[in-house]
Amino acid sequence: MKRFFSSLLTRENLWALFFCLILVALVIFTADYKDSWFLYEGF
């Protein structure tokens, strides 16, 4: 199991995860909050 995680946490994968988190944060913070409320109406 440790070998599996060490193969997942390579430098390229960490950079990809980092950029994905930045993109998600940008989408959330730049989205109009009035438009984002429809996501929560279903719950």
N, C-alpha and C. Protein backbone atom coordinates (compact mmCIF):
# COMPACT_ATOMS: atom_id res chain seq x y z
N MET A 1 0.83 -1.20 0.00
CA MET A 1 0.00 0.00 0.00
C MET A 1 0.87 1.26 0.00
N LYS A 2 1.98 1.21 0.71
CA LYS A 2 2.86 2.37 0.75
C LYS A 2 3.46 2.63 -0.63
N ARG A 3 3.78 1.57 -1.36
CA ARG A 3 4.33 1.75 -2.70
C ARG A 3 3.29 2.37 -3.63
N PHE A 4 2.02 2.00 -3.43
CA PHE A 4 0.95 2.57 -4.24
C PHE A 4 0.86 4.07 -4.04
N PHE A 5 0.91 4.53 -2.78
CA PHE A 5 0.82 5.96 -2.53
C PHE A 5 2.06 6.71 -3.00
N SER A 6 3.22 6.10 -2.86
CA SER A 6 4.43 6.78 -3.33
C SER A 6 4.45 6.91 -4.85
N SER A 7 3.81 5.96 -5.54
CA SER A 7 3.73 6.09 -7.00
C SER A 7 2.68 7.12 -7.40
N LEU A 8 1.66 7.32 -6.55
CA LEU A 8 0.65 8.34 -6.84
C LEU A 8 1.18 9.75 -6.58
N LEU A 9 1.95 9.91 -5.52
CA LEU A 9 2.39 11.24 -5.11
C LEU A 9 3.71 11.61 -5.77
N THR A 10 3.70 11.58 -7.08
CA THR A 10 4.88 12.05 -7.80
C THR A 10 4.79 13.56 -7.96
N ARG A 11 5.88 14.15 -8.39
CA ARG A 11 5.89 15.61 -8.53
C ARG A 11 4.87 16.07 -9.56
N GLU A 12 4.74 15.33 -10.66
CA GLU A 12 3.78 15.72 -11.70
C GLU A 12 2.34 15.65 -11.17
N ASN A 13 2.05 14.60 -10.41
CA ASN A 13 0.69 14.47 -9.89
C ASN A 13 0.38 15.54 -8.86
N LEU A 14 1.37 15.90 -8.05
CA LEU A 14 1.14 16.97 -7.08
C LEU A 14 0.91 18.30 -7.77
N TRP A 15 1.67 18.58 -8.83
CA TRP A 15 1.44 19.82 -9.58
C TRP A 15 0.06 19.82 -10.23
N ALA A 16 -0.35 18.68 -10.78
CA ALA A 16 -1.67 18.59 -11.41
C ALA A 16 -2.77 18.81 -10.38
N LEU A 17 -2.61 18.22 -9.20
CA LEU A 17 -3.60 18.41 -8.14
C LEU A 17 -3.64 19.86 -7.69
N PHE A 18 -2.46 20.47 -7.59
CA PHE A 18 -2.37 21.87 -7.19
C PHE A 18 -3.09 22.78 -8.18
N PHE A 19 -2.86 22.57 -9.48
CA PHE A 19 -3.53 23.41 -10.48
C PHE A 19 -5.03 23.16 -10.53
N CYS A 20 -5.45 21.91 -10.30
CA CYS A 20 -6.89 21.63 -10.26
C CYS A 20 -7.54 22.36 -9.10
N LEU A 21 -6.89 22.37 -7.94
CA LEU A 21 -7.46 23.08 -6.79
C LEU A 21 -7.54 24.57 -7.05
N ILE A 22 -6.54 25.13 -7.72
CA ILE A 22 -6.57 26.55 -8.05
C ILE A 22 -7.71 26.85 -9.02
N LEU A 23 -7.89 25.99 -10.02
CA LEU A 23 -8.96 26.22 -10.98
C LEU A 23 -10.32 26.14 -10.31
N VAL A 24 -10.51 25.17 -9.43
CA VAL A 24 -11.79 25.05 -8.73
C VAL A 24 -12.03 26.28 -7.85
N ALA A 25 -10.99 26.74 -7.17
CA ALA A 25 -11.14 27.92 -6.33
C ALA A 25 -11.47 29.16 -7.16
N LEU A 26 -10.83 29.29 -8.32
CA LEU A 26 -11.13 30.43 -9.18
C LEU A 26 -12.57 30.39 -9.68
N VAL A 27 -13.04 29.22 -10.05
CA VAL A 27 -14.42 29.11 -10.52
C VAL A 27 -15.39 29.46 -9.40
N ILE A 28 -15.11 29.00 -8.19
CA ILE A 28 -16.01 29.27 -7.08
C ILE A 28 -16.01 30.76 -6.73
N PHE A 29 -14.82 31.36 -6.65
CA PHE A 29 -14.75 32.74 -6.19
C PHE A 29 -15.17 33.73 -7.26
N THR A 30 -15.04 33.36 -8.53
CA THR A 30 -15.43 34.30 -9.58
C THR A 30 -16.86 34.10 -10.06
N ALA A 31 -17.49 33.01 -9.60
CA ALA A 31 -18.87 32.76 -10.02
C ALA A 31 -19.80 33.76 -9.35
N ASP A 32 -20.85 34.10 -10.04
CA ASP A 32 -21.87 34.96 -9.45
C ASP A 32 -22.65 34.12 -8.44
N TYR A 33 -22.70 34.59 -7.21
CA TYR A 33 -23.32 33.78 -6.17
C TYR A 33 -24.81 33.61 -6.37
N LYS A 34 -25.45 34.54 -7.05
CA LYS A 34 -26.87 34.36 -7.34
C LYS A 34 -27.08 33.18 -8.28
N ASP A 35 -26.13 32.95 -9.19
CA ASP A 35 -26.27 31.83 -10.10
C ASP A 35 -25.90 30.51 -9.43
N SER A 36 -25.10 30.55 -8.38
CA SER A 36 -24.64 29.31 -7.77
C SER A 36 -25.67 28.75 -6.79
N TRP A 37 -26.69 29.50 -6.43
CA TRP A 37 -27.66 28.99 -5.46
C TRP A 37 -28.49 27.86 -6.04
N PHE A 38 -28.62 27.78 -7.34
CA PHE A 38 -29.43 26.70 -7.90
C PHE A 38 -28.78 25.34 -7.64
N LEU A 39 -27.48 25.32 -7.37
CA LEU A 39 -26.82 24.06 -7.04
C LEU A 39 -27.31 23.53 -5.70
N TYR A 40 -27.64 24.43 -4.77
CA TYR A 40 -28.01 24.01 -3.43
C TYR A 40 -29.51 23.76 -3.28
N GLU A 41 -30.31 24.21 -4.25
CA GLU A 41 -31.75 24.02 -4.13
C GLU A 41 -32.14 22.56 -4.19
N GLY A 42 -31.32 21.73 -4.82
CA GLY A 42 -31.66 20.32 -4.95
C GLY A 42 -31.42 19.53 -3.69
N PHE A 43 -30.71 20.10 -2.72
CA PHE A 43 -30.37 19.34 -1.51
C PHE A 43 -31.27 19.74 -0.35
